[in-house]
mmCIF file of all heavy atoms, coordinates in Angstrom:
data_MODEL
# 
_entry.id   MODEL 
# 
loop_
_atom_site.group_PDB 
_atom_site.id 
_atom_site.type_symbol 
_atom_site.label_atom_id 
_atom_site.label_alt_id 
_atom_site.label_comp_id 
_atom_site.label_asym_id 
_atom_site.label_entity_id 
_atom_site.label_seq_id 
_atom_site.pdbx_PDB_ins_code 
_atom_site.Cartn_x 
_atom_site.Cartn_y 
_atom_site.Cartn_z 
_atom_site.occupancy 
_atom_site.B_iso_or_equiv 
_atom_site.pdbx_formal_charge 
_atom_site.auth_seq_id 
_atom_site.auth_comp_id 
_atom_site.auth_asym_id 
_atom_site.auth_atom_id 
_atom_site.pdbx_PDB_model_num 
ATOM 1   N N   . PHE A 1 1  ? -16.682 -9.489  0.735   1.00 0.00 ? 1  PHE A N   1 
ATOM 2   C CA  . PHE A 1 1  ? -16.165 -9.942  2.019   1.00 0.00 ? 1  PHE A CA  1 
ATOM 3   C C   . PHE A 1 1  ? -16.881 -9.136  3.094   1.00 0.00 ? 1  PHE A C   1 
ATOM 4   O O   . PHE A 1 1  ? -16.845 -7.909  3.071   1.00 0.00 ? 1  PHE A O   1 
ATOM 5   C CB  . PHE A 1 1  ? -14.651 -9.707  2.113   1.00 0.00 ? 1  PHE A CB  1 
ATOM 6   C CG  . PHE A 1 1  ? -13.846 -10.670 1.297   1.00 0.00 ? 1  PHE A CG  1 
ATOM 7   C CD1 . PHE A 1 1  ? -13.439 -10.359 0.011   1.00 0.00 ? 1  PHE A CD1 1 
ATOM 8   C CD2 . PHE A 1 1  ? -13.468 -11.904 1.830   1.00 0.00 ? 1  PHE A CD2 1 
ATOM 9   C CE1 . PHE A 1 1  ? -12.684 -11.253 -0.741  1.00 0.00 ? 1  PHE A CE1 1 
ATOM 10  C CE2 . PHE A 1 1  ? -12.700 -12.801 1.097   1.00 0.00 ? 1  PHE A CE2 1 
ATOM 11  C CZ  . PHE A 1 1  ? -12.315 -12.473 -0.197  1.00 0.00 ? 1  PHE A CZ  1 
ATOM 12  N N   . PHE A 1 2  ? -17.547 -9.839  4.019   1.00 0.00 ? 2  PHE A N   1 
ATOM 13  C CA  . PHE A 1 2  ? -18.361 -9.162  5.025   1.00 0.00 ? 2  PHE A CA  1 
ATOM 14  C C   . PHE A 1 2  ? -18.180 -9.832  6.384   1.00 0.00 ? 2  PHE A C   1 
ATOM 15  O O   . PHE A 1 2  ? -17.514 -10.855 6.502   1.00 0.00 ? 2  PHE A O   1 
ATOM 16  C CB  . PHE A 1 2  ? -19.843 -9.203  4.632   1.00 0.00 ? 2  PHE A CB  1 
ATOM 17  C CG  . PHE A 1 2  ? -20.486 -10.553 4.903   1.00 0.00 ? 2  PHE A CG  1 
ATOM 18  C CD1 . PHE A 1 2  ? -21.264 -10.733 6.041   1.00 0.00 ? 2  PHE A CD1 1 
ATOM 19  C CD2 . PHE A 1 2  ? -20.281 -11.640 4.066   1.00 0.00 ? 2  PHE A CD2 1 
ATOM 20  C CE1 . PHE A 1 2  ? -21.831 -11.978 6.309   1.00 0.00 ? 2  PHE A CE1 1 
ATOM 21  C CE2 . PHE A 1 2  ? -20.843 -12.870 4.327   1.00 0.00 ? 2  PHE A CE2 1 
ATOM 22  C CZ  . PHE A 1 2  ? -21.622 -13.040 5.465   1.00 0.00 ? 2  PHE A CZ  1 
ATOM 23  N N   . ALA A 1 3  ? -18.791 -9.238  7.409   1.00 0.00 ? 3  ALA A N   1 
ATOM 24  C CA  . ALA A 1 3  ? -18.850 -9.847  8.743   1.00 0.00 ? 3  ALA A CA  1 
ATOM 25  C C   . ALA A 1 3  ? -20.223 -9.560  9.331   1.00 0.00 ? 3  ALA A C   1 
ATOM 26  O O   . ALA A 1 3  ? -20.814 -8.512  9.056   1.00 0.00 ? 3  ALA A O   1 
ATOM 27  C CB  . ALA A 1 3  ? -17.757 -9.277  9.642   1.00 0.00 ? 3  ALA A CB  1 
ATOM 28  N N   . ASP A 1 4  ? -20.729 -10.506 10.122  1.00 0.00 ? 4  ASP A N   1 
ATOM 29  C CA  . ASP A 1 4  ? -22.061 -10.356 10.728  1.00 0.00 ? 4  ASP A CA  1 
ATOM 30  C C   . ASP A 1 4  ? -22.154 -9.128  11.631  1.00 0.00 ? 4  ASP A C   1 
ATOM 31  O O   . ASP A 1 4  ? -23.201 -8.513  11.741  1.00 0.00 ? 4  ASP A O   1 
ATOM 32  C CB  . ASP A 1 4  ? -22.436 -11.598 11.536  1.00 0.00 ? 4  ASP A CB  1 
ATOM 33  C CG  . ASP A 1 4  ? -22.792 -12.772 10.637  1.00 0.00 ? 4  ASP A CG  1 
ATOM 34  O OD1 . ASP A 1 4  ? -23.229 -12.536 9.493   1.00 0.00 ? 4  ASP A OD1 1 
ATOM 35  O OD2 . ASP A 1 4  ? -22.635 -13.927 11.084  1.00 0.00 ? 4  ASP A OD2 1 
ATOM 36  N N   . TRP A 1 5  ? -21.049 -8.767  12.272  1.00 0.00 ? 5  TRP A N   1 
ATOM 37  C CA  . TRP A 1 5  ? -21.055 -7.665  13.239  1.00 0.00 ? 5  TRP A CA  1 
ATOM 38  C C   . TRP A 1 5  ? -20.858 -6.294  12.582  1.00 0.00 ? 5  TRP A C   1 
ATOM 39  O O   . TRP A 1 5  ? -20.843 -5.281  13.244  1.00 0.00 ? 5  TRP A O   1 
ATOM 40  C CB  . TRP A 1 5  ? -19.949 -7.890  14.277  1.00 0.00 ? 5  TRP A CB  1 
ATOM 41  C CG  . TRP A 1 5  ? -18.641 -8.304  13.674  1.00 0.00 ? 5  TRP A CG  1 
ATOM 42  C CD1 . TRP A 1 5  ? -18.160 -9.582  13.558  1.00 0.00 ? 5  TRP A CD1 1 
ATOM 43  C CD2 . TRP A 1 5  ? -17.666 -7.461  13.055  1.00 0.00 ? 5  TRP A CD2 1 
ATOM 44  N NE1 . TRP A 1 5  ? -16.954 -9.585  12.920  1.00 0.00 ? 5  TRP A NE1 1 
ATOM 45  C CE2 . TRP A 1 5  ? -16.609 -8.296  12.586  1.00 0.00 ? 5  TRP A CE2 1 
ATOM 46  C CE3 . TRP A 1 5  ? -17.557 -6.080  12.834  1.00 0.00 ? 5  TRP A CE3 1 
ATOM 47  C CZ2 . TRP A 1 5  ? -15.483 -7.813  11.930  1.00 0.00 ? 5  TRP A CZ2 1 
ATOM 48  C CZ3 . TRP A 1 5  ? -16.436 -5.604  12.182  1.00 0.00 ? 5  TRP A CZ3 1 
ATOM 49  C CH2 . TRP A 1 5  ? -15.411 -6.457  11.741  1.00 0.00 ? 5  TRP A CH2 1 
ATOM 50  N N   . CYS A 1 6  ? -20.721 -6.267  11.268  1.00 0.00 ? 6  CYS A N   1 
ATOM 51  C CA  . CYS A 1 6  ? -20.368 -5.038  10.539  1.00 0.00 ? 6  CYS A CA  1 
ATOM 52  C C   . CYS A 1 6  ? -21.624 -4.282  10.084  1.00 0.00 ? 6  CYS A C   1 
ATOM 53  O O   . CYS A 1 6  ? -22.389 -4.789  9.265   1.00 0.00 ? 6  CYS A O   1 
ATOM 54  C CB  . CYS A 1 6  ? -19.489 -5.456  9.351   1.00 0.00 ? 6  CYS A CB  1 
ATOM 55  S SG  . CYS A 1 6  ? -19.365 -4.249  8.026   1.00 0.00 ? 6  CYS A SG  1 
ATOM 56  N N   . GLY A 1 7  ? -21.798 -3.066  10.602  1.00 0.00 ? 7  GLY A N   1 
ATOM 57  C CA  . GLY A 1 7  ? -22.939 -2.231  10.221  1.00 0.00 ? 7  GLY A CA  1 
ATOM 58  C C   . GLY A 1 7  ? -22.993 -1.896  8.734   1.00 0.00 ? 7  GLY A C   1 
ATOM 59  O O   . GLY A 1 7  ? -24.018 -2.100  8.091   1.00 0.00 ? 7  GLY A O   1 
ATOM 60  N N   . PRO A 1 8  ? -21.898 -1.371  8.148   1.00 0.00 ? 8  PRO A N   1 
ATOM 61  C CA  . PRO A 1 8  ? -21.918 -1.062  6.722   1.00 0.00 ? 8  PRO A CA  1 
ATOM 62  C C   . PRO A 1 8  ? -22.197 -2.290  5.842   1.00 0.00 ? 8  PRO A C   1 
ATOM 63  O O   . PRO A 1 8  ? -22.800 -2.162  4.772   1.00 0.00 ? 8  PRO A O   1 
ATOM 64  C CB  . PRO A 1 8  ? -20.505 -0.501  6.463   1.00 0.00 ? 8  PRO A CB  1 
ATOM 65  C CG  . PRO A 1 8  ? -20.080 0.059   7.776   1.00 0.00 ? 8  PRO A CG  1 
ATOM 66  C CD  . PRO A 1 8  ? -20.673 -0.865  8.808   1.00 0.00 ? 8  PRO A CD  1 
ATOM 67  N N   . CYS A 1 9  ? -21.795 -3.477  6.309   1.00 0.00 ? 9  CYS A N   1 
ATOM 68  C CA  . CYS A 1 9  ? -22.084 -4.704  5.543   1.00 0.00 ? 9  CYS A CA  1 
ATOM 69  C C   . CYS A 1 9  ? -23.585 -4.928  5.437   1.00 0.00 ? 9  CYS A C   1 
ATOM 70  O O   . CYS A 1 9  ? -24.090 -5.389  4.413   1.00 0.00 ? 9  CYS A O   1 
ATOM 71  C CB  . CYS A 1 9  ? -21.433 -5.924  6.197   1.00 0.00 ? 9  CYS A CB  1 
ATOM 72  S SG  . CYS A 1 9  ? -19.631 -5.824  6.297   1.00 0.00 ? 9  CYS A SG  1 
ATOM 73  N N   . LYS A 1 10 ? -24.298 -4.599  6.522   1.00 0.00 ? 10 LYS A N   1 
ATOM 74  C CA  . LYS A 1 10 ? -25.757 -4.765  6.536   1.00 0.00 ? 10 LYS A CA  1 
ATOM 75  C C   . LYS A 1 10 ? -26.419 -3.762  5.574   1.00 0.00 ? 10 LYS A C   1 
ATOM 76  O O   . LYS A 1 10 ? -27.478 -4.030  5.032   1.00 0.00 ? 10 LYS A O   1 
ATOM 77  C CB  . LYS A 1 10 ? -26.287 -4.592  7.956   1.00 0.00 ? 10 LYS A CB  1 
ATOM 78  C CG  . LYS A 1 10 ? -25.914 -5.757  8.879   1.00 0.00 ? 10 LYS A CG  1 
ATOM 79  C CD  . LYS A 1 10 ? -26.424 -5.495  10.288  1.00 0.00 ? 10 LYS A CD  1 
ATOM 80  C CE  . LYS A 1 10 ? -26.244 -6.693  11.194  1.00 0.00 ? 10 LYS A CE  1 
ATOM 81  N NZ  . LYS A 1 10 ? -24.877 -6.989  11.580  1.00 0.00 ? 10 LYS A NZ  1 
ATOM 82  N N   . VAL A 1 11 ? -25.786 -2.609  5.388   1.00 0.00 ? 11 VAL A N   1 
ATOM 83  C CA  . VAL A 1 11 ? -26.287 -1.606  4.439   1.00 0.00 ? 11 VAL A CA  1 
ATOM 84  C C   . VAL A 1 11 ? -26.034 -2.084  3.007   1.00 0.00 ? 11 VAL A C   1 
ATOM 85  O O   . VAL A 1 11 ? -26.872 -1.912  2.120   1.00 0.00 ? 11 VAL A O   1 
ATOM 86  C CB  . VAL A 1 11 ? -25.590 -0.243  4.682   1.00 0.00 ? 11 VAL A CB  1 
ATOM 87  C CG1 . VAL A 1 11 ? -25.939 0.760   3.585   1.00 0.00 ? 11 VAL A CG1 1 
ATOM 88  C CG2 . VAL A 1 11 ? -25.959 0.292   6.060   1.00 0.00 ? 11 VAL A CG2 1 
ATOM 89  N N   . LEU A 1 12 ? -24.877 -2.720  2.789   1.00 0.00 ? 12 LEU A N   1 
ATOM 90  C CA  . LEU A 1 12 ? -24.484 -3.137  1.434   1.00 0.00 ? 12 LEU A CA  1 
ATOM 91  C C   . LEU A 1 12 ? -25.313 -4.323  0.922   1.00 0.00 ? 12 LEU A C   1 
ATOM 92  O O   . LEU A 1 12 ? -25.617 -4.393  -0.262  1.00 0.00 ? 12 LEU A O   1 
ATOM 93  C CB  . LEU A 1 12 ? -22.992 -3.491  1.418   1.00 0.00 ? 12 LEU A CB  1 
ATOM 94  C CG  . LEU A 1 12 ? -22.420 -3.860  0.053   1.00 0.00 ? 12 LEU A CG  1 
ATOM 95  C CD1 . LEU A 1 12 ? -22.550 -2.709  -0.934  1.00 0.00 ? 12 LEU A CD1 1 
ATOM 96  C CD2 . LEU A 1 12 ? -20.946 -4.277  0.204   1.00 0.00 ? 12 LEU A CD2 1 
ATOM 97  N N   . ALA A 1 13 ? -25.701 -5.238  1.816   1.00 0.00 ? 13 ALA A N   1 
ATOM 98  C CA  . ALA A 1 13 ? -26.391 -6.464  1.394   1.00 0.00 ? 13 ALA A CA  1 
ATOM 99  C C   . ALA A 1 13 ? -27.619 -6.207  0.502   1.00 0.00 ? 13 ALA A C   1 
ATOM 100 O O   . ALA A 1 13 ? -27.723 -6.780  -0.599  1.00 0.00 ? 13 ALA A O   1 
ATOM 101 C CB  . ALA A 1 13 ? -26.751 -7.320  2.602   1.00 0.00 ? 13 ALA A CB  1 
ATOM 102 N N   . PRO A 1 14 ? -28.561 -5.348  0.908   1.00 0.00 ? 14 PRO A N   1 
ATOM 103 C CA  . PRO A 1 14 ? -29.724 -5.102  0.031   1.00 0.00 ? 14 PRO A CA  1 
ATOM 104 C C   . PRO A 1 14 ? -29.341 -4.385  -1.266  1.00 0.00 ? 14 PRO A C   1 
ATOM 105 O O   . PRO A 1 14 ? -29.995 -4.573  -2.301  1.00 0.00 ? 14 PRO A O   1 
ATOM 106 C CB  . PRO A 1 14 ? -30.687 -4.273  0.892   1.00 0.00 ? 14 PRO A CB  1 
ATOM 107 C CG  . PRO A 1 14 ? -29.871 -3.739  2.017   1.00 0.00 ? 14 PRO A CG  1 
ATOM 108 C CD  . PRO A 1 14 ? -28.696 -4.657  2.202   1.00 0.00 ? 14 PRO A CD  1 
ATOM 109 N N   . ILE A 1 15 ? -28.292 -3.573  -1.245  1.00 0.00 ? 15 ILE A N   1 
ATOM 110 C CA  . ILE A 1 15 ? -27.825 -2.906  -2.471  1.00 0.00 ? 15 ILE A CA  1 
ATOM 111 C C   . ILE A 1 15 ? -27.359 -3.956  -3.463  1.00 0.00 ? 15 ILE A C   1 
ATOM 112 O O   . ILE A 1 15 ? -27.675 -3.898  -4.659  1.00 0.00 ? 15 ILE A O   1 
ATOM 113 C CB  . ILE A 1 15 ? -26.700 -1.884  -2.150  1.00 0.00 ? 15 ILE A CB  1 
ATOM 114 C CG1 . ILE A 1 15 ? -27.248 -0.732  -1.298  1.00 0.00 ? 15 ILE A CG1 1 
ATOM 115 C CG2 . ILE A 1 15 ? -26.059 -1.355  -3.442  1.00 0.00 ? 15 ILE A CG2 1 
ATOM 116 C CD1 . ILE A 1 15 ? -26.195 0.207   -0.741  1.00 0.00 ? 15 ILE A CD1 1 
ATOM 117 N N   . LEU A 1 16 ? -26.613 -4.954  -2.969  1.00 0.00 ? 16 LEU A N   1 
ATOM 118 C CA  . LEU A 1 16 ? -26.118 -6.009  -3.862  1.00 0.00 ? 16 LEU A CA  1 
ATOM 119 C C   . LEU A 1 16 ? -27.276 -6.851  -4.418  1.00 0.00 ? 16 LEU A C   1 
ATOM 120 O O   . LEU A 1 16 ? -27.219 -7.301  -5.564  1.00 0.00 ? 16 LEU A O   1 
ATOM 121 C CB  . LEU A 1 16 ? -25.108 -6.900  -3.139  1.00 0.00 ? 16 LEU A CB  1 
ATOM 122 C CG  . LEU A 1 16 ? -23.767 -6.227  -2.819  1.00 0.00 ? 16 LEU A CG  1 
ATOM 123 C CD1 . LEU A 1 16 ? -22.853 -7.177  -2.084  1.00 0.00 ? 16 LEU A CD1 1 
ATOM 124 C CD2 . LEU A 1 16 ? -23.101 -5.686  -4.069  1.00 0.00 ? 16 LEU A CD2 1 
ATOM 125 N N   . LYS A 1 17 ? -28.339 -7.028  -3.619  1.00 0.00 ? 17 LYS A N   1 
ATOM 126 C CA  . LYS A 1 17 ? -29.526 -7.736  -4.131  1.00 0.00 ? 17 LYS A CA  1 
ATOM 127 C C   . LYS A 1 17 ? -30.146 -6.971  -5.295  1.00 0.00 ? 17 LYS A C   1 
ATOM 128 O O   . LYS A 1 17 ? -30.564 -7.562  -6.286  1.00 0.00 ? 17 LYS A O   1 
ATOM 129 C CB  . LYS A 1 17 ? -30.562 -7.927  -3.008  1.00 0.00 ? 17 LYS A CB  1 
ATOM 130 C CG  . LYS A 1 17 ? -30.236 -9.084  -2.096  1.00 0.00 ? 17 LYS A CG  1 
ATOM 131 C CD  . LYS A 1 17 ? -31.421 -9.432  -1.209  1.00 0.00 ? 17 LYS A CD  1 
ATOM 132 C CE  . LYS A 1 17 ? -31.094 -10.658 -0.390  1.00 0.00 ? 17 LYS A CE  1 
ATOM 133 N NZ  . LYS A 1 17 ? -30.815 -10.406 0.999   1.00 0.00 ? 17 LYS A NZ  1 
ATOM 134 N N   . GLU A 1 18 ? -30.210 -5.655  -5.163  1.00 0.00 ? 18 GLU A N   1 
ATOM 135 C CA  . GLU A 1 18 ? -30.750 -4.823  -6.249  1.00 0.00 ? 18 GLU A CA  1 
ATOM 136 C C   . GLU A 1 18 ? -29.862 -4.900  -7.490  1.00 0.00 ? 18 GLU A C   1 
ATOM 137 O O   . GLU A 1 18 ? -30.363 -4.964  -8.620  1.00 0.00 ? 18 GLU A O   1 
ATOM 138 C CB  . GLU A 1 18 ? -30.855 -3.360  -5.813  1.00 0.00 ? 18 GLU A CB  1 
ATOM 139 C CG  . GLU A 1 18 ? -31.930 -3.091  -4.773  1.00 0.00 ? 18 GLU A CG  1 
ATOM 140 C CD  . GLU A 1 18 ? -31.908 -1.644  -4.308  1.00 0.00 ? 18 GLU A CD  1 
ATOM 141 O OE1 . GLU A 1 18 ? -31.500 -0.755  -5.106  1.00 0.00 ? 18 GLU A OE1 1 
ATOM 142 O OE2 . GLU A 1 18 ? -32.293 -1.395  -3.149  1.00 0.00 ? 18 GLU A OE2 1 
ATOM 143 N N   . VAL A 1 19 ? -28.552 -4.894  -7.295  1.00 0.00 ? 19 VAL A N   1 
ATOM 144 C CA  . VAL A 1 19 ? -27.599 -4.997  -8.398  1.00 0.00 ? 19 VAL A CA  1 
ATOM 145 C C   . VAL A 1 19 ? -27.832 -6.309  -9.141  1.00 0.00 ? 19 VAL A C   1 
ATOM 146 O O   . VAL A 1 19 ? -27.926 -6.347  -10.364 1.00 0.00 ? 19 VAL A O   1 
ATOM 147 C CB  . VAL A 1 19 ? -26.135 -4.916  -7.893  1.00 0.00 ? 19 VAL A CB  1 
ATOM 148 C CG1 . VAL A 1 19 ? -25.152 -5.311  -8.975  1.00 0.00 ? 19 VAL A CG1 1 
ATOM 149 C CG2 . VAL A 1 19 ? -25.827 -3.501  -7.383  1.00 0.00 ? 19 VAL A CG2 1 
ATOM 150 N N   . LYS A 1 20 ? -27.965 -7.410  -8.380  1.00 0.00 ? 20 LYS A N   1 
ATOM 151 C CA  . LYS A 1 20 ? -28.174 -8.728  -8.968  1.00 0.00 ? 20 LYS A CA  1 
ATOM 152 C C   . LYS A 1 20 ? -29.494 -8.766  -9.740  1.00 0.00 ? 20 LYS A C   1 
ATOM 153 O O   . LYS A 1 20 ? -29.556 -9.292  -10.853 1.00 0.00 ? 20 LYS A O   1 
ATOM 154 C CB  . LYS A 1 20 ? -28.143 -9.816  -7.878  1.00 0.00 ? 20 LYS A CB  1 
ATOM 155 C CG  . LYS A 1 20 ? -28.415 -11.209 -8.377  1.00 0.00 ? 20 LYS A CG  1 
ATOM 156 C CD  . LYS A 1 20 ? -27.330 -11.702 -9.320  1.00 0.00 ? 20 LYS A CD  1 
ATOM 157 C CE  . LYS A 1 20 ? -27.616 -13.119 -9.788  1.00 0.00 ? 20 LYS A CE  1 
ATOM 158 N NZ  . LYS A 1 20 ? -26.884 -13.446 -11.006 1.00 0.00 ? 20 LYS A NZ  1 
ATOM 159 N N   . SER A 1 21 ? -30.544 -8.174  -9.186  1.00 0.00 ? 21 SER A N   1 
ATOM 160 C CA  . SER A 1 21 ? -31.839 -8.213  -9.883  1.00 0.00 ? 21 SER A CA  1 
ATOM 161 C C   . SER A 1 21 ? -31.801 -7.377  -11.156 1.00 0.00 ? 21 SER A C   1 
ATOM 162 O O   . SER A 1 21 ? -32.437 -7.708  -12.150 1.00 0.00 ? 21 SER A O   1 
ATOM 163 C CB  . SER A 1 21 ? -32.991 -7.796  -8.960  1.00 0.00 ? 21 SER A CB  1 
ATOM 164 O OG  . SER A 1 21 ? -32.910 -6.431  -8.647  1.00 0.00 ? 21 SER A OG  1 
ATOM 165 N N   . GLU A 1 22 ? -31.004 -6.308  -11.156 1.00 0.00 ? 22 GLU A N   1 
ATOM 166 C CA  . GLU A 1 22 ? -30.883 -5.475  -12.368 1.00 0.00 ? 22 GLU A CA  1 
ATOM 167 C C   . GLU A 1 22 ? -30.029 -6.159  -13.441 1.00 0.00 ? 22 GLU A C   1 
ATOM 168 O O   . GLU A 1 22 ? -30.369 -6.129  -14.617 1.00 0.00 ? 22 GLU A O   1 
ATOM 169 C CB  . GLU A 1 22 ? -30.275 -4.115  -12.020 1.00 0.00 ? 22 GLU A CB  1 
ATOM 170 C CG  . GLU A 1 22 ? -30.151 -3.225  -13.253 1.00 0.00 ? 22 GLU A CG  1 
ATOM 171 C CD  . GLU A 1 22 ? -29.811 -1.774  -12.930 1.00 0.00 ? 22 GLU A CD  1 
ATOM 172 O OE1 . GLU A 1 22 ? -30.284 -1.252  -11.893 1.00 0.00 ? 22 GLU A OE1 1 
ATOM 173 O OE2 . GLU A 1 22 ? -29.080 -1.174  -13.710 1.00 0.00 ? 22 GLU A OE2 1 
ATOM 174 N N   . LEU A 1 23 ? -28.927 -6.775  -13.028 1.00 0.00 ? 23 LEU A N   1 
ATOM 175 C CA  . LEU A 1 23 ? -27.988 -7.339  -14.001 1.00 0.00 ? 23 LEU A CA  1 
ATOM 176 C C   . LEU A 1 23 ? -28.210 -8.810  -14.315 1.00 0.00 ? 23 LEU A C   1 
ATOM 177 O O   . LEU A 1 23 ? -27.684 -9.315  -15.310 1.00 0.00 ? 23 LEU A O   1 
ATOM 178 C CB  . LEU A 1 23 ? -26.546 -7.116  -13.514 1.00 0.00 ? 23 LEU A CB  1 
ATOM 179 C CG  . LEU A 1 23 ? -26.111 -5.665  -13.409 1.00 0.00 ? 23 LEU A CG  1 
ATOM 180 C CD1 . LEU A 1 23 ? -24.707 -5.569  -12.866 1.00 0.00 ? 23 LEU A CD1 1 
ATOM 181 C CD2 . LEU A 1 23 ? -26.210 -4.959  -14.760 1.00 0.00 ? 23 LEU A CD2 1 
ATOM 182 N N   . GLY A 1 24 ? -28.956 -9.511  -13.465 1.00 0.00 ? 24 GLY A N   1 
ATOM 183 C CA  . GLY A 1 24 ? -29.296 -10.909 -13.723 1.00 0.00 ? 24 GLY A CA  1 
ATOM 184 C C   . GLY A 1 24 ? -28.072 -11.792 -13.904 1.00 0.00 ? 24 GLY A C   1 
ATOM 185 O O   . GLY A 1 24 ? -27.122 -11.739 -13.108 1.00 0.00 ? 24 GLY A O   1 
ATOM 186 N N   . ASP A 1 25 ? -28.062 -12.587 -14.978 1.00 0.00 ? 25 ASP A N   1 
ATOM 187 C CA  . ASP A 1 25 ? -27.013 -13.582 -15.196 1.00 0.00 ? 25 ASP A CA  1 
ATOM 188 C C   . ASP A 1 25 ? -25.700 -12.993 -15.719 1.00 0.00 ? 25 ASP A C   1 
ATOM 189 O O   . ASP A 1 25 ? -24.749 -13.734 -15.925 1.00 0.00 ? 25 ASP A O   1 
ATOM 190 C CB  . ASP A 1 25 ? -27.500 -14.669 -16.165 1.00 0.00 ? 25 ASP A CB  1 
ATOM 191 C CG  . ASP A 1 25 ? -28.603 -15.500 -15.543 1.00 0.00 ? 25 ASP A CG  1 
ATOM 192 O OD1 . ASP A 1 25 ? -28.669 -15.556 -14.300 1.00 0.00 ? 25 ASP A OD1 1 
ATOM 193 O OD2 . ASP A 1 25 ? -29.397 -16.099 -16.290 1.00 0.00 ? 25 ASP A OD2 1 
ATOM 194 N N   . SER A 1 26 ? -25.644 -11.676 -15.931 1.00 0.00 ? 26 SER A N   1 
ATOM 195 C CA  . SER A 1 26 ? -24.406 -11.088 -16.420 1.00 0.00 ? 26 SER A CA  1 
ATOM 196 C C   . SER A 1 26 ? -23.383 -10.895 -15.291 1.00 0.00 ? 26 SER A C   1 
ATOM 197 O O   . SER A 1 26 ? -22.260 -10.472 -15.517 1.00 0.00 ? 26 SER A O   1 
ATOM 198 C CB  . SER A 1 26 ? -24.666 -9.763  -17.134 1.00 0.00 ? 26 SER A CB  1 
ATOM 199 O OG  . SER A 1 26 ? -25.137 -8.795  -16.208 1.00 0.00 ? 26 SER A OG  1 
ATOM 200 N N   . ILE A 1 27 ? -23.797 -11.221 -14.045 1.00 0.00 ? 27 ILE A N   1 
ATOM 201 C CA  . ILE A 1 27 ? -22.897 -11.111 -12.894 1.00 0.00 ? 27 ILE A CA  1 
ATOM 202 C C   . ILE A 1 27 ? -23.222 -12.242 -11.913 1.00 0.00 ? 27 ILE A C   1 
ATOM 203 O O   . ILE A 1 27 ? -24.371 -12.638 -11.810 1.00 0.00 ? 27 ILE A O   1 
ATOM 204 C CB  . ILE A 1 27 ? -23.035 -9.738  -12.176 1.00 0.00 ? 27 ILE A CB  1 
ATOM 205 C CG1 . ILE A 1 27 ? -22.073 -9.598  -10.982 1.00 0.00 ? 27 ILE A CG1 1 
ATOM 206 C CG2 . ILE A 1 27 ? -24.451 -9.506  -11.687 1.00 0.00 ? 27 ILE A CG2 1 
ATOM 207 C CD1 . ILE A 1 27 ? -20.654 -9.345  -11.324 1.00 0.00 ? 27 ILE A CD1 1 
ATOM 208 N N   . LYS A 1 28 ? -22.179 -12.726 -11.256 1.00 0.00 ? 28 LYS A N   1 
ATOM 209 C CA  . LYS A 1 28 ? -22.379 -13.621 -10.109 1.00 0.00 ? 28 LYS A CA  1 
ATOM 210 C C   . LYS A 1 28 ? -21.916 -12.848 -8.886  1.00 0.00 ? 28 LYS A C   1 
ATOM 211 O O   . LYS A 1 28 ? -20.873 -12.188 -8.937  1.00 0.00 ? 28 LYS A O   1 
ATOM 212 C CB  . LYS A 1 28 ? -21.556 -14.907 -10.259 1.00 0.00 ? 28 LYS A CB  1 
ATOM 213 C CG  . LYS A 1 28 ? -22.074 -15.838 -11.299 1.00 0.00 ? 28 LYS A CG  1 
ATOM 214 C CD  . LYS A 1 28 ? -21.283 -17.135 -11.295 1.00 0.00 ? 28 LYS A CD  1 
ATOM 215 C CE  . LYS A 1 28 ? -21.794 -18.026 -12.394 1.00 0.00 ? 28 LYS A CE  1 
ATOM 216 N NZ  . LYS A 1 28 ? -20.723 -18.741 -13.081 1.00 0.00 ? 28 LYS A NZ  1 
ATOM 217 N N   . ILE A 1 29 ? -22.696 -12.909 -7.835  1.00 0.00 ? 29 ILE A N   1 
ATOM 218 C CA  . ILE A 1 29 ? -22.319 -12.231 -6.591  1.00 0.00 ? 29 ILE A CA  1 
ATOM 219 C C   . ILE A 1 29 ? -22.200 -13.291 -5.500  1.00 0.00 ? 29 ILE A C   1 
ATOM 220 O O   . ILE A 1 29 ? -23.146 -14.068 -5.289  1.00 0.00 ? 29 ILE A O   1 
ATOM 221 C CB  . ILE A 1 29 ? -23.346 -11.157 -6.182  1.00 0.00 ? 29 ILE A CB  1 
ATOM 222 C CG1 . ILE A 1 29 ? -23.428 -10.073 -7.266  1.00 0.00 ? 29 ILE A CG1 1 
ATOM 223 C CG2 . ILE A 1 29 ? -22.990 -10.562 -4.826  1.00 0.00 ? 29 ILE A CG2 1 
ATOM 224 C CD1 . ILE A 1 29 ? -24.475 -9.004  -7.028  1.00 0.00 ? 29 ILE A CD1 1 
ATOM 225 N N   . ILE A 1 30 ? -21.046 -13.356 -4.867  1.00 0.00 ? 30 ILE A N   1 
ATOM 226 C CA  . ILE A 1 30 ? -20.891 -14.276 -3.742  1.00 0.00 ? 30 ILE A CA  1 
ATOM 227 C C   . ILE A 1 30 ? -20.439 -13.492 -2.524  1.00 0.00 ? 30 ILE A C   1 
ATOM 228 O O   . ILE A 1 30 ? -19.713 -12.510 -2.630  1.00 0.00 ? 30 ILE A O   1 
ATOM 229 C CB  . ILE A 1 30 ? -19.920 -15.444 -4.057  1.00 0.00 ? 30 ILE A CB  1 
ATOM 230 C CG1 . ILE A 1 30 ? -18.551 -14.961 -4.463  1.00 0.00 ? 30 ILE A CG1 1 
ATOM 231 C CG2 . ILE A 1 30 ? -20.490 -16.349 -5.117  1.00 0.00 ? 30 ILE A CG2 1 
ATOM 232 C CD1 . ILE A 1 30 ? -17.552 -16.078 -4.635  1.00 0.00 ? 30 ILE A CD1 1 
ATOM 233 N N   . THR A 1 31 ? -20.929 -13.922 -1.370  1.00 0.00 ? 31 THR A N   1 
ATOM 234 C CA  . THR A 1 31 ? -20.558 -13.265 -0.123  1.00 0.00 ? 31 THR A CA  1 
ATOM 235 C C   . THR A 1 31 ? -19.700 -14.231 0.688   1.00 0.00 ? 31 THR A C   1 
ATOM 236 O O   . THR A 1 31 ? -19.962 -15.433 0.725   1.00 0.00 ? 31 THR A O   1 
ATOM 237 C CB  . THR A 1 31 ? -21.807 -12.856 0.686   1.00 0.00 ? 31 THR A CB  1 
ATOM 238 O OG1 . THR A 1 31 ? -22.622 -14.001 0.884   1.00 0.00 ? 31 THR A OG1 1 
ATOM 239 C CG2 . THR A 1 31 ? -22.604 -11.793 -0.050  1.00 0.00 ? 31 THR A CG2 1 
# 
């Protein structure tokens, strides 16, 4: 759960991309 105006959300987004690339199909990530 995020918001466009949220600074920490902008920090988290690329971290979640890395998580998805590491774990692949073993996780679904939705924002």
